[in-house]
Protein backbone atom coordinates (compact mmCIF):
# COMPACT_ATOMS: atom_id res chain seq x y z
CA UNK A 1 -19.61 11.03 18.05
CA UNK A 2 -18.25 11.24 21.58
CA UNK A 3 -15.81 9.21 23.21
CA UNK A 4 -15.12 9.00 27.03
CA UNK A 5 -12.22 7.81 28.93
CA UNK A 6 -10.60 8.33 32.53
CA UNK A 7 -7.14 9.00 32.78
CA UNK A 8 -5.93 6.91 35.61
CA UNK A 9 -3.52 9.70 36.90
CA UNK A 10 -5.65 12.57 37.05
CA UNK A 11 -9.01 11.01 37.74
CA UNK A 12 -10.83 13.27 35.69
CA UNK A 13 -13.52 12.38 32.93
CA UNK A 14 -12.75 13.79 29.75
CA UNK A 15 -14.91 14.04 26.59
CA UNK A 16 -13.26 14.21 23.31
CA UNK A 17 -15.67 15.23 20.28
CA UNK A 18 -14.46 13.67 17.03
CA UNK A 19 -15.56 14.59 13.45
CA UNK A 20 -17.71 12.41 11.31
CA UNK A 21 -14.72 11.48 9.11
CA UNK A 22 -12.73 10.41 12.05
CA UNK A 23 -9.96 13.18 11.89
CA UNK A 24 -8.21 13.48 15.23
CA UNK A 25 -8.31 16.13 17.91
CA UNK A 26 -5.18 17.02 20.04
CA UNK A 27 -4.91 16.34 23.69
CA UNK A 28 -2.53 17.82 26.21
CA UNK A 29 -0.69 15.20 27.94
CA UNK A 30 2.22 16.57 30.07
CA UNK A 31 3.94 19.15 28.02
CA UNK A 32 3.19 17.57 24.45
CA UNK A 33 0.06 17.42 22.39
CA UNK A 34 -0.82 14.16 21.08
CA UNK A 35 -3.67 13.67 18.55
CA UNK A 36 -6.30 10.88 18.92
CA UNK A 37 -9.07 9.24 16.98
CA UNK A 38 -12.05 7.13 17.65
CA UNK A 39 -11.55 3.45 17.06
CA UNK A 40 -14.28 3.52 14.61
CA UNK A 41 -12.52 6.08 12.45
CA UNK A 42 -11.60 5.50 8.93
CA UNK A 43 -7.97 4.93 8.53
CA UNK A 44 -5.69 4.51 5.32
CA UNK A 45 -3.19 2.11 6.22
CA UNK A 46 -0.57 2.94 3.50
CA UNK A 47 0.42 6.32 4.84
CA UNK A 48 4.16 7.32 4.65
CA UNK A 49 6.00 6.56 8.07
CA UNK A 50 8.81 4.16 9.35
CA UNK A 51 7.47 1.12 7.46
CA UNK A 52 6.60 -1.11 10.64
CA UNK A 53 5.48 1.72 12.78
CA UNK A 54 1.64 1.53 13.39
CA UNK A 55 -0.90 4.25 12.00
CA UNK A 56 -2.68 4.50 15.30
CA UNK A 57 -2.41 2.41 18.67
CA UNK A 58 -4.08 2.19 22.03
CA UNK A 59 -3.85 0.37 25.40
CA UNK A 60 -6.02 -0.78 28.12
CA UNK A 61 -5.77 -2.78 31.49
CA UNK A 62 -6.62 -6.33 31.04
CA UNK A 63 -9.04 -6.27 33.65
CA UNK A 64 -11.09 -3.95 31.83
CA UNK A 65 -11.72 -6.54 28.89
CA UNK A 66 -14.97 -8.11 28.98
CA UNK A 67 -15.43 -9.16 25.12
CA UNK A 68 -12.98 -11.45 23.26
CA UNK A 69 -14.16 -10.16 19.65
CA UNK A 70 -12.94 -7.51 17.35
CA UNK A 71 -14.87 -6.36 13.86
CA UNK A 72 -14.01 -3.97 11.34
CA UNK A 73 -14.13 -3.54 7.60
CA UNK A 74 -11.32 -3.61 5.29
CA UNK A 75 -10.98 -2.37 1.68
CA UNK A 76 -7.88 -2.80 -0.31
CA UNK A 77 -6.36 -4.02 -3.87
CA UNK A 78 -3.01 -4.65 -2.20
CA UNK A 79 -1.96 -8.36 -1.84
CA UNK A 80 0.35 -7.74 1.28
CA UNK A 81 0.37 -5.64 4.30
CA UNK A 82 -0.19 -5.73 8.26
CA UNK A 83 -3.67 -4.92 9.18
CA UNK A 84 -4.21 -5.56 13.04
CA UNK A 85 -1.98 -6.49 16.03
CA UNK A 86 -2.38 -6.89 19.78
CA UNK A 87 -0.32 -8.03 22.46
CA UNK A 88 0.00 -8.51 26.28
CA UNK A 89 2.97 -8.68 28.53
CA UNK A 90 4.79 -5.88 26.76
CA UNK A 91 4.99 -7.99 23.63
CA UNK A 92 5.87 -11.44 25.00
CA UNK A 93 2.38 -12.73 23.91
CA UNK A 94 1.09 -11.21 20.58
CA UNK A 95 -1.10 -11.53 17.60
CA UNK A 96 -0.66 -10.03 13.85
CA UNK A 97 -3.42 -10.32 11.28
CA UNK A 98 -2.32 -9.27 7.78
CA UNK A 99 -2.58 -10.33 3.95
CA UNK A 100 0.11 -12.17 1.75
CA UNK A 101 -0.90 -13.00 -1.75
CA UNK A 102 -4.24 -11.41 -1.10
CA UNK A 103 -5.11 -13.97 1.60
CA UNK A 104 -5.50 -13.41 5.34
CA UNK A 105 -2.55 -14.50 7.38
CA UNK A 106 -2.63 -14.95 11.21
CA UNK A 107 0.50 -15.30 13.33
CA UNK A 108 0.67 -15.22 17.08
CA UNK A 109 2.90 -16.14 19.84
CA UNK A 110 1.33 -17.38 23.47
CA UNK A 111 3.45 -18.63 26.07
CA UNK A 112 6.14 -19.17 23.86
CA UNK A 113 4.30 -21.24 21.35
CA UNK A 114 4.27 -19.80 17.92
CA UNK A 115 1.60 -20.44 15.30
CA UNK A 116 1.06 -19.19 11.83
CA UNK A 117 -1.79 -19.90 9.26
CA UNK A 118 -2.75 -18.60 6.03
CA UNK A 119 -5.71 -19.13 4.11
CA UNK A 120 -9.62 -18.11 3.50
CA UNK A 121 -10.98 -15.94 0.81
CA UNK A 122 -8.97 -13.46 -1.30
CA UNK A 123 -9.53 -10.02 -0.03
CA UNK A 124 -7.72 -7.79 -2.22
CA UNK A 125 -10.63 -7.29 -4.72
CA UNK A 126 -10.99 -3.62 -3.85
CA UNK A 127 -14.56 -4.12 -1.87
CA UNK A 128 -15.28 -3.61 1.63
CA UNK A 129 -15.06 -6.91 3.67
CA UNK A 130 -16.43 -7.27 7.23
CA UNK A 131 -13.75 -9.24 9.39
CA UNK A 132 -14.30 -10.31 12.91
CA UNK A 133 -11.57 -11.91 15.03
CA UNK A 134 -12.43 -13.78 17.99
CA UNK A 135 -10.89 -16.19 20.75
CA UNK A 136 -13.30 -19.38 21.10
CA UNK A 137 -12.11 -22.51 23.07
CA UNK A 138 -8.54 -22.21 22.38
CA UNK A 139 -9.11 -21.23 18.77
CA UNK A 140 -8.49 -18.04 17.05
CA UNK A 141 -11.36 -17.56 14.57
CA UNK A 142 -11.45 -15.23 11.58
CA UNK A 143 -14.76 -14.71 9.86
CA UNK A 144 -15.12 -12.76 6.76
CA UNK A 145 -18.27 -11.15 5.38
CA UNK A 146 -20.24 -13.66 8.17
CA UNK A 147 -18.50 -16.92 6.98
CA UNK A 148 -15.61 -18.78 8.51
CA UNK A 149 -12.55 -17.44 6.81
CA UNK A 150 -9.53 -19.00 8.95
CA UNK A 151 -9.63 -21.11 12.10
CA UNK A 152 -6.41 -21.61 14.00
CA UNK A 153 -6.03 -23.86 17.10
CA UNK A 154 -3.69 -22.91 19.93
CA UNK A 155 -3.10 -26.31 21.14
CA UNK A 156 -4.34 -27.35 24.84
CA UNK A 157 -5.05 -24.80 27.78
CA UNK A 158 -2.03 -23.80 29.62
CA UNK A 159 -1.60 -22.52 33.28
CA UNK A 160 -1.03 -19.09 31.76
CA UNK A 161 -4.32 -19.05 29.80
CA UNK A 162 -6.33 -20.33 32.60
CA UNK A 163 -4.76 -17.84 34.80
CA UNK A 164 -6.65 -14.25 35.54
CA UNK A 165 -5.00 -11.93 33.21
CA UNK A 166 -3.75 -8.69 34.41
CA UNK A 167 -1.38 -6.11 33.01
CA UNK A 168 -1.84 -4.09 29.69
CA UNK A 169 -3.38 -4.99 26.30
CA UNK A 170 -1.94 -2.96 23.38
CA UNK A 171 -3.77 -2.83 20.18
CA UNK A 172 -2.32 -1.36 16.84
CA UNK A 173 -3.44 -0.88 13.09
CA UNK A 174 -1.16 -0.99 10.11
CA UNK A 175 1.93 -2.12 12.02
CA UNK A 176 3.55 -3.78 14.90
CA UNK A 177 4.94 -3.02 18.38
CA UNK A 178 7.57 -5.92 18.48
CA UNK A 179 10.92 -6.83 16.59
CA UNK A 180 9.73 -8.04 13.12
CA UNK A 181 12.14 -10.84 13.45
CA UNK A 182 9.66 -12.43 16.07
CA UNK A 183 7.58 -13.51 13.40
CA UNK A 184 7.61 -16.71 11.65
CA UNK A 185 6.56 -15.55 8.09
CA UNK A 186 8.00 -12.22 6.98
CA UNK A 187 6.00 -9.91 4.64
CA UNK A 188 5.97 -6.18 3.62
CA UNK A 189 3.87 -4.47 6.36
CA UNK A 190 2.78 -1.28 4.35
CA UNK A 191 -0.72 -1.74 2.92
CA UNK A 192 -2.42 0.46 0.59
CA UNK A 193 -5.89 -0.25 2.18
CA UNK A 194 -8.47 1.08 4.39
CA UNK A 195 -10.04 0.17 7.49
CA UNK A 196 -13.33 1.61 9.03
CA UNK A 197 -15.83 0.97 11.56
CA UNK A 198 -13.98 -0.86 14.15
CA UNK A 199 -15.00 -2.31 17.19
CA UNK A 200 -11.94 -3.42 19.34
CA UNK A 201 -13.01 -5.87 21.95
CA UNK A 202 -15.25 -3.74 24.50
CA UNK A 203 -12.75 -0.72 24.57
CA UNK A 204 -14.16 2.60 24.03
CA UNK A 205 -10.85 4.46 24.57
CA UNK A 206 -9.41 6.83 21.80
CA UNK A 207 -6.80 5.67 19.61
CA UNK A 208 -3.42 7.75 19.49
CA UNK A 209 -2.21 8.78 16.03
CA UNK A 210 1.48 8.09 15.15
CA UNK A 211 1.67 10.68 12.32
CA UNK A 212 1.13 14.23 11.76
CA UNK A 213 -2.18 14.23 9.81
CA UNK A 214 -4.16 11.23 8.84
CA UNK A 215 -4.60 10.88 4.92
CA UNK A 216 -7.91 10.28 3.77
CA UNK A 217 -9.66 7.10 2.29
CA UNK A 218 -11.03 7.94 -1.08
CA UNK A 219 -14.66 6.95 -1.37
CA UNK A 220 -14.31 4.90 -4.59
CA UNK A 221 -11.17 3.24 -6.04
CA UNK A 222 -9.93 1.46 -8.99
CA UNK A 223 -7.11 -0.86 -9.21
CA UNK A 224 -3.75 1.07 -10.56
CA UNK A 225 -1.06 3.31 -9.47
CA UNK A 226 -1.60 6.92 -8.46
CA UNK A 227 0.94 9.56 -8.91
CA UNK A 228 -0.02 12.72 -7.31
CA UNK A 229 2.60 14.95 -9.12
CA UNK A 230 5.33 14.84 -6.20
CA UNK A 231 7.70 12.24 -7.11
CA UNK A 232 8.54 9.18 -9.26
CA UNK A 233 9.48 5.35 -8.84
CA UNK A 234 12.82 4.21 -10.13
CA UNK A 235 14.45 0.72 -10.72
CA UNK A 236 17.44 -0.64 -12.70
CA UNK A 237 16.46 -2.09 -15.99
CA UNK A 238 18.67 -4.92 -15.61
CA UNK A 239 15.95 -6.51 -13.14
CA UNK A 240 14.27 -6.89 -16.60
CA UNK A 241 16.86 -9.29 -18.48
CA UNK A 242 16.66 -9.22 -22.45
CA UNK A 243 17.11 -12.29 -24.19
CA UNK A 244 19.38 -12.60 -27.30
CA UNK A 245 17.56 -11.83 -30.45
CA UNK A 246 14.45 -10.36 -28.49
CA UNK A 247 13.32 -7.05 -27.69
CA UNK A 248 11.63 -5.07 -24.71
CA UNK A 249 7.98 -4.14 -24.56
CA UNK A 250 6.51 -1.80 -22.01
CA UNK A 251 2.75 -1.71 -21.84
CA UNK A 252 0.56 1.27 -20.21
CA UNK A 253 -3.17 1.44 -19.46
CA UNK A 254 -5.22 4.24 -18.23
CA UNK A 255 -7.13 7.32 -19.12
CA UNK A 256 -4.53 9.31 -20.70
CA UNK A 257 -6.56 12.42 -21.02
CA UNK A 258 -6.35 12.93 -17.27
CA UNK A 259 -2.63 12.57 -17.08
CA UNK A 260 -0.29 15.39 -17.13
CA UNK A 261 3.67 14.81 -16.71
CA UNK A 262 6.28 12.23 -17.26
CA UNK A 263 4.93 8.93 -17.67
CA UNK A 264 8.16 6.95 -18.30
CA UNK A 265 11.92 7.93 -18.81
CA UNK A 266 14.97 5.63 -19.39
CA UNK A 267 18.67 6.61 -18.96
CA UNK A 268 22.07 5.07 -18.53
CA UNK A 269 24.70 6.65 -16.15
CA UNK A 270 26.66 9.40 -17.72
CA UNK A 271 24.55 9.67 -20.78
CA UNK A 272 21.57 11.74 -22.11
CA UNK A 273 18.12 10.64 -21.46
CA UNK A 274 17.23 7.86 -24.13
CA UNK A 275 13.32 8.07 -24.07
CA UNK A 276 10.78 9.77 -22.64
CA UNK A 277 6.89 9.37 -22.54
CA UNK A 278 5.04 12.49 -21.78
CA UNK A 279 1.28 13.26 -21.28
CA UNK A 280 -0.04 16.83 -21.86
CA UNK A 281 -3.61 17.13 -20.63
CA UNK A 282 -3.72 20.92 -22.05
CA UNK A 283 -3.04 19.74 -25.64
CA UNK A 284 -4.53 16.43 -24.93
CA UNK A 285 -1.61 14.77 -26.35
CA UNK A 286 0.95 11.89 -25.56
CA UNK A 287 4.54 12.08 -26.97
CA UNK A 288 7.07 9.65 -27.11
CA UNK A 289 10.57 10.91 -27.80
CA UNK A 290 13.45 8.67 -28.59
CA UNK A 291 16.56 10.41 -29.43
CA UNK A 292 15.98 12.39 -32.40
CA UNK A 293 12.61 10.44 -33.28
CA UNK A 294 9.26 11.81 -31.76
CA UNK A 295 5.68 10.33 -32.04
CA UNK A 296 2.90 12.40 -30.89
CA UNK A 297 -0.79 10.86 -30.43
CA UNK A 298 -4.08 12.11 -29.48
CA UNK A 299 -5.00 10.94 -25.85
CA UNK A 300 -8.71 11.52 -26.08
CA UNK A 301 -9.80 7.93 -26.45
CA UNK A 302 -6.37 6.34 -25.89
CA UNK A 303 -6.98 3.13 -23.78
CA UNK A 304 -3.67 1.19 -24.01
CA UNK A 305 -0.25 2.01 -25.33
CA UNK A 306 2.54 -0.59 -25.92
CA UNK A 307 6.04 0.48 -26.76
CA UNK A 308 8.31 -2.32 -28.31
CA UNK A 309 11.99 -1.94 -28.75
CA UNK A 310 13.93 -4.31 -31.08
CA UNK A 311 17.43 -3.77 -32.04
CA UNK A 312 16.84 -1.52 -35.04
CA UNK A 313 13.18 -1.00 -34.70
CA UNK A 314 10.80 0.97 -32.50
CA UNK A 315 7.11 0.12 -32.67
CA UNK A 316 4.26 2.09 -30.97
CA UNK A 317 0.82 0.14 -30.55
CA UNK A 318 -2.24 2.33 -29.90
CA UNK A 319 -5.33 0.64 -28.64
CA UNK A 320 -8.26 3.07 -28.88
CA UNK A 321 -11.94 2.80 -28.03
CA UNK A 322 -12.87 1.73 -31.52
CA UNK A 323 -9.69 0.88 -33.37
CA UNK A 324 -5.90 0.47 -32.82
CA UNK A 325 -2.91 1.99 -34.69
CA UNK A 326 0.53 0.84 -35.17
CA UNK A 327 3.67 3.30 -35.84
CA UNK A 328 7.02 1.95 -36.77
CA UNK A 329 10.18 3.94 -36.73
CA UNK A 330 13.66 2.71 -38.16
CA UNK A 331 16.30 3.42 -35.19
CA UNK A 332 19.55 2.03 -36.49
CA UNK A 333 22.27 1.91 -34.06
CA UNK A 334 20.41 3.35 -31.36
CA UNK A 335 22.26 1.55 -28.45
CA UNK A 336 19.09 1.19 -26.92
CA UNK A 337 19.53 -2.60 -25.75
CA UNK A 338 22.86 -1.47 -24.21
CA UNK A 339 21.36 1.25 -22.19
CA UNK A 340 18.55 -1.21 -21.19
CA UNK A 341 20.81 -3.68 -19.48
CA UNK A 342 22.95 -0.84 -17.63
CA UNK A 343 20.65 1.85 -17.21
CA UNK A 344 17.61 3.01 -14.89
CA UNK A 345 13.89 3.44 -15.48
CA UNK A 346 11.49 5.84 -13.77
CA UNK A 347 7.95 5.88 -13.87
CA UNK A 348 6.30 9.11 -13.15
CA UNK A 349 8.99 11.43 -13.49
CA UNK A 350 12.07 12.55 -15.58
CA UNK A 351 15.24 11.01 -14.49
CA UNK A 352 18.09 13.55 -13.35
CA UNK A 353 21.72 13.22 -14.46
CA UNK A 354 23.00 11.56 -11.38
CA UNK A 355 22.14 8.34 -9.53
CA UNK A 356 20.61 10.19 -6.36
CA UNK A 357 17.12 9.61 -7.86
CA UNK A 358 16.59 13.32 -8.27
CA UNK A 359 13.70 13.98 -10.94
CA UNK A 360 11.37 16.62 -12.34
CA UNK A 361 8.33 17.08 -14.32
CA UNK A 362 6.56 14.59 -12.14
CA UNK A 363 3.39 12.68 -13.31
CA UNK A 364 -0.17 13.58 -12.19
CA UNK A 365 -2.74 10.78 -12.68
CA UNK A 366 -3.42 7.29 -12.48
CA UNK A 367 -1.77 4.38 -14.48
CA UNK A 368 -4.27 1.54 -14.27
CA UNK A 369 -1.75 -0.94 -15.39
CA UNK A 370 2.11 -1.04 -16.05
CA UNK A 371 3.69 -4.17 -17.78
CA UNK A 372 7.28 -4.60 -18.65
CA UNK A 373 8.25 -7.77 -20.71
CA UNK A 374 4.49 -9.19 -20.24
CA UNK A 375 4.69 -9.07 -16.24
CA UNK A 376 2.75 -6.75 -14.05
CA UNK A 377 4.93 -4.17 -12.18
CA UNK A 378 4.26 -3.73 -8.60
CA UNK A 379 5.67 -0.46 -7.62
CA UNK A 380 6.21 -1.38 -4.06
CA UNK A 381 9.27 -3.27 -5.58
CA UNK A 382 10.87 -0.03 -6.74
CA UNK A 383 12.38 2.92 -5.06
CA UNK A 384 9.53 5.35 -4.85
CA UNK A 385 8.42 8.61 -3.51
CA UNK A 386 6.17 7.86 -0.44
CA UNK A 387 3.32 9.95 -1.93
CA UNK A 388 2.65 7.45 -4.80
CA UNK A 389 0.10 5.06 -4.12
CA UNK A 390 0.92 1.55 -5.56
CA UNK A 391 -2.27 -0.27 -5.73
CA UNK A 392 -5.21 2.17 -5.91
CA UNK A 393 -6.33 5.28 -7.62
CA UNK A 394 -9.27 7.54 -6.85
CA UNK A 395 -12.17 6.66 -9.18
């Protein structure tokens, strides 16, 4: 695919050849090279960067705009994040499209009037959806897969909207170009999702890349949390309070034969590691170590693993393709519940001795589900290594 644009200063016609995968090329602008991609490129929105910083962005003169419609495809399991942003007047008038609770969320400000609306179909189902954003007769319209998804009125026409617009239009994906405090509804902008086949107004100019290299989008994905073996996710166990007389249960689902490294570790400050759960894809075993107790399980057809801690008892439930088994260990005076109330829990790595989140023996693999105390755990709520993908795994 070839994209053409004309730099205003040089007045030269420059041709940029982009690969079919949408990877960028470097263009010399002054003394510093910048990477650009086509607006049709496939872009992963969850790439590590400053949390509100866009992945790619572009700009054009308003006088060059002849279409008021943008279309693109979106795929995600993530319920929340920023997708598409646009502004004029250096951010005085702006528009943001994102997801919150899996539903489309539109926010915009025009001439000092702020509007927000949430609704339409659930989009975080892991399927590709075609989205179309347009402006028709003082309404902003979001169509999803050919049907009306969300329609928001901007009020009556103002003198500003009737005037011939001049100046610059800016567009961005995966972030915003204004202070986040200007938005009426706050949300977590980082989205584990992909955008492709974008047609942005009638613009053909390339988009500037804000990161060193664009991360790829996997062809097929499944829901889960993907650990590439470079870091872990940590949080305080106190966020999961234990009621008197009740225990703690932690549940994992996934293909344990493909995992290698530390799935889980629990530690209290100044103490030795109390518990580890390790997977070894060489021996095809999963091993739970709790103090001096050790439970080893074959991982070949293991589908779900539930660990239940009570005051003086440890239970491990194995759910396999054709049967399930329960192992029970007596653990008198273990001090586990005290550690739980004051400790830290790590997913995907072995906790170090200090409290600086230094770990080791990191997990490679996909945890399709993590539940603590009967609640699904969203790793976006933890302190995690930027390489961990919270909501999807390669299929």
